[in-house]
Amino acid sequence: MGDIMSILAGSYTSAPVTSVSRSKYVNVDPQAYQGTWTGKYANNDAFTVAISDVIGFRAKVKYQSGSTVKYQEVLIRDNAFRIGDSKFTLVRSGVAQVKTVMTNPANGAQTLETAYANQG
């Protein structure tokens, strides 16, 4: 039992610390986010992010890439939000950065794909 606890304790202390935003949620400009955003990852997989019903700092989002479709209500803070394994960050008017963790179904290996999307 002691070995298990020492392994758990060692893994817990070596886990990376994620940064936490200390900023407050503030209302965003709905026009800056609403609409359909399209882009392609480096492996040529196309994706779309459809953002609607932006009220205050809340929005409804649909992410689609290939056969993967995710719907989620999100909270926008620091010009960004997460949907599933993806993070959407507004870079400037009409341009966003999308980072997605892709999992290879054959071997389970994960990679972080980064792409830019344009508001259409």
Protein backbone atom coordinates (compact mmCIF):
# COMPACT_ATOMS: atom_id res chain seq x y z
CA MET A 1 0.00 0.00 0.00
CA GLY A 2 2.86 2.37 0.77
CA ASP A 3 4.34 1.88 -2.71
CA ILE A 4 1.09 2.84 -4.37
CA MET A 5 0.79 5.98 -2.28
CA SER A 6 4.38 7.03 -3.04
CA ILE A 7 3.79 6.52 -6.78
CA LEU A 8 0.61 8.59 -6.64
CA ALA A 9 2.31 11.30 -4.60
CA GLY A 10 5.28 11.41 -7.00
CA SER A 11 3.02 11.67 -10.04
CA TYR A 12 0.92 14.36 -8.41
CA THR A 13 3.88 16.58 -7.59
CA SER A 14 5.48 16.17 -11.02
CA ALA A 15 2.34 17.09 -12.95
CA PRO A 16 2.67 20.38 -14.82
CA VAL A 17 0.94 23.39 -13.35
CA THR A 18 -1.58 25.00 -15.67
CA SER A 19 -1.86 28.74 -15.67
CA VAL A 20 -5.12 30.12 -14.38
CA SER A 21 -6.50 33.41 -15.61
CA ARG A 22 -7.21 35.86 -12.82
CA SER A 23 -9.15 38.24 -15.05
CA LYS A 24 -12.89 38.66 -14.71
CA TYR A 25 -15.48 37.79 -17.32
CA VAL A 26 -16.50 40.94 -19.20
CA ASN A 27 -19.00 41.53 -21.97
CA VAL A 28 -17.59 41.13 -25.48
CA ASP A 29 -18.57 42.66 -28.81
CA PRO A 30 -20.94 40.09 -30.37
CA GLN A 31 -19.97 41.12 -33.94
CA ALA A 32 -16.34 40.23 -33.25
CA TYR A 33 -17.26 36.58 -32.55
CA GLN A 34 -20.58 35.72 -34.23
CA GLY A 35 -20.56 33.93 -37.55
CA THR A 36 -18.84 30.99 -39.19
CA TRP A 37 -15.08 30.69 -38.92
CA THR A 38 -13.21 28.40 -41.34
CA GLY A 39 -9.65 27.16 -41.54
CA LYS A 40 -7.34 24.22 -42.24
CA TYR A 41 -4.82 22.43 -40.06
CA ALA A 42 -1.30 21.66 -41.35
CA ASN A 43 -2.44 18.13 -42.29
CA ASN A 44 -5.07 19.75 -44.60
CA ASP A 45 -8.05 18.80 -42.39
CA ALA A 46 -10.63 21.56 -42.71
CA PHE A 47 -12.65 22.80 -39.74
CA THR A 48 -15.44 25.24 -39.02
CA VAL A 49 -16.42 27.00 -35.82
CA ALA A 50 -19.95 28.44 -35.85
CA ILE A 51 -20.58 30.96 -33.07
CA SER A 52 -24.06 32.26 -32.33
CA ASP A 53 -26.17 33.89 -29.60
CA VAL A 54 -23.32 35.94 -28.14
CA ILE A 55 -24.79 37.68 -25.11
CA GLY A 56 -22.46 39.32 -22.62
CA PHE A 57 -19.57 36.86 -22.39
CA ARG A 58 -21.63 33.74 -23.21
CA ALA A 59 -22.05 32.10 -26.62
CA LYS A 60 -23.25 28.94 -28.33
CA VAL A 61 -20.62 27.19 -30.42
CA LYS A 62 -20.52 24.34 -32.93
CA TYR A 63 -17.11 22.92 -33.88
CA GLN A 64 -16.82 20.58 -36.87
CA SER A 65 -13.80 18.88 -38.37
CA GLY A 66 -14.36 15.82 -40.55
CA SER A 67 -16.80 13.54 -38.74
CA THR A 68 -16.17 15.24 -35.39
CA VAL A 69 -18.99 17.58 -34.36
CA LYS A 70 -19.17 19.27 -30.95
CA TYR A 71 -21.84 21.61 -29.58
CA GLN A 72 -21.24 23.62 -26.44
CA GLU A 73 -22.22 26.75 -24.58
CA VAL A 74 -19.03 28.63 -23.74
CA LEU A 75 -17.79 31.49 -21.59
CA ILE A 76 -15.45 33.96 -23.29
CA ARG A 77 -12.56 35.35 -21.24
CA ASP A 78 -9.31 36.95 -22.39
CA ASN A 79 -10.61 36.79 -26.01
CA ALA A 80 -10.72 32.97 -25.83
CA PHE A 81 -12.86 29.96 -25.01
CA ARG A 82 -12.56 26.17 -25.07
CA ILE A 83 -14.80 23.71 -26.87
CA GLY A 84 -13.96 20.06 -26.34
CA ASP A 85 -10.27 19.49 -27.13
CA SER A 86 -9.98 22.85 -28.91
CA LYS A 87 -9.19 26.39 -27.84
CA PHE A 88 -10.40 29.35 -29.89
CA THR A 89 -8.54 32.65 -29.42
CA LEU A 90 -9.51 35.87 -31.20
CA VAL A 91 -6.24 37.31 -32.52
CA ARG A 92 -7.63 40.38 -34.30
CA SER A 93 -10.80 41.36 -36.09
CA GLY A 94 -11.79 38.51 -38.42
CA VAL A 95 -8.85 36.24 -37.50
CA ALA A 96 -8.70 33.58 -34.78
CA GLN A 97 -6.20 30.95 -33.69
CA VAL A 98 -7.55 27.45 -33.09
CA LYS A 99 -5.48 24.89 -31.19
CA THR A 100 -6.75 21.32 -31.08
CA VAL A 101 -5.40 18.15 -29.48
CA MET A 102 -5.60 15.43 -32.15
CA THR A 103 -5.52 11.77 -31.16
CA ASN A 104 -4.27 9.18 -33.64
CA PRO A 105 -6.84 6.33 -33.56
CA ALA A 106 -4.22 3.73 -34.58
CA ASN A 107 -1.75 4.24 -31.73
CA GLY A 108 -3.37 6.76 -29.38
CA ALA A 109 -0.58 9.32 -29.86
CA GLN A 110 -1.67 12.91 -29.28
CA THR A 111 -0.45 16.02 -31.09
CA LEU A 112 -1.30 19.68 -30.75
CA GLU A 113 -2.42 21.18 -34.06
CA THR A 114 -2.51 24.96 -34.48
CA ALA A 115 -4.33 26.74 -37.29
CA TYR A 116 -5.84 30.10 -38.11
CA ALA A 117 -9.48 30.66 -38.99
CA ASN A 118 -11.12 33.50 -40.87
CA GLN A 119 -14.54 34.87 -40.13
CA GLY A 120 -16.85 34.38 -43.09
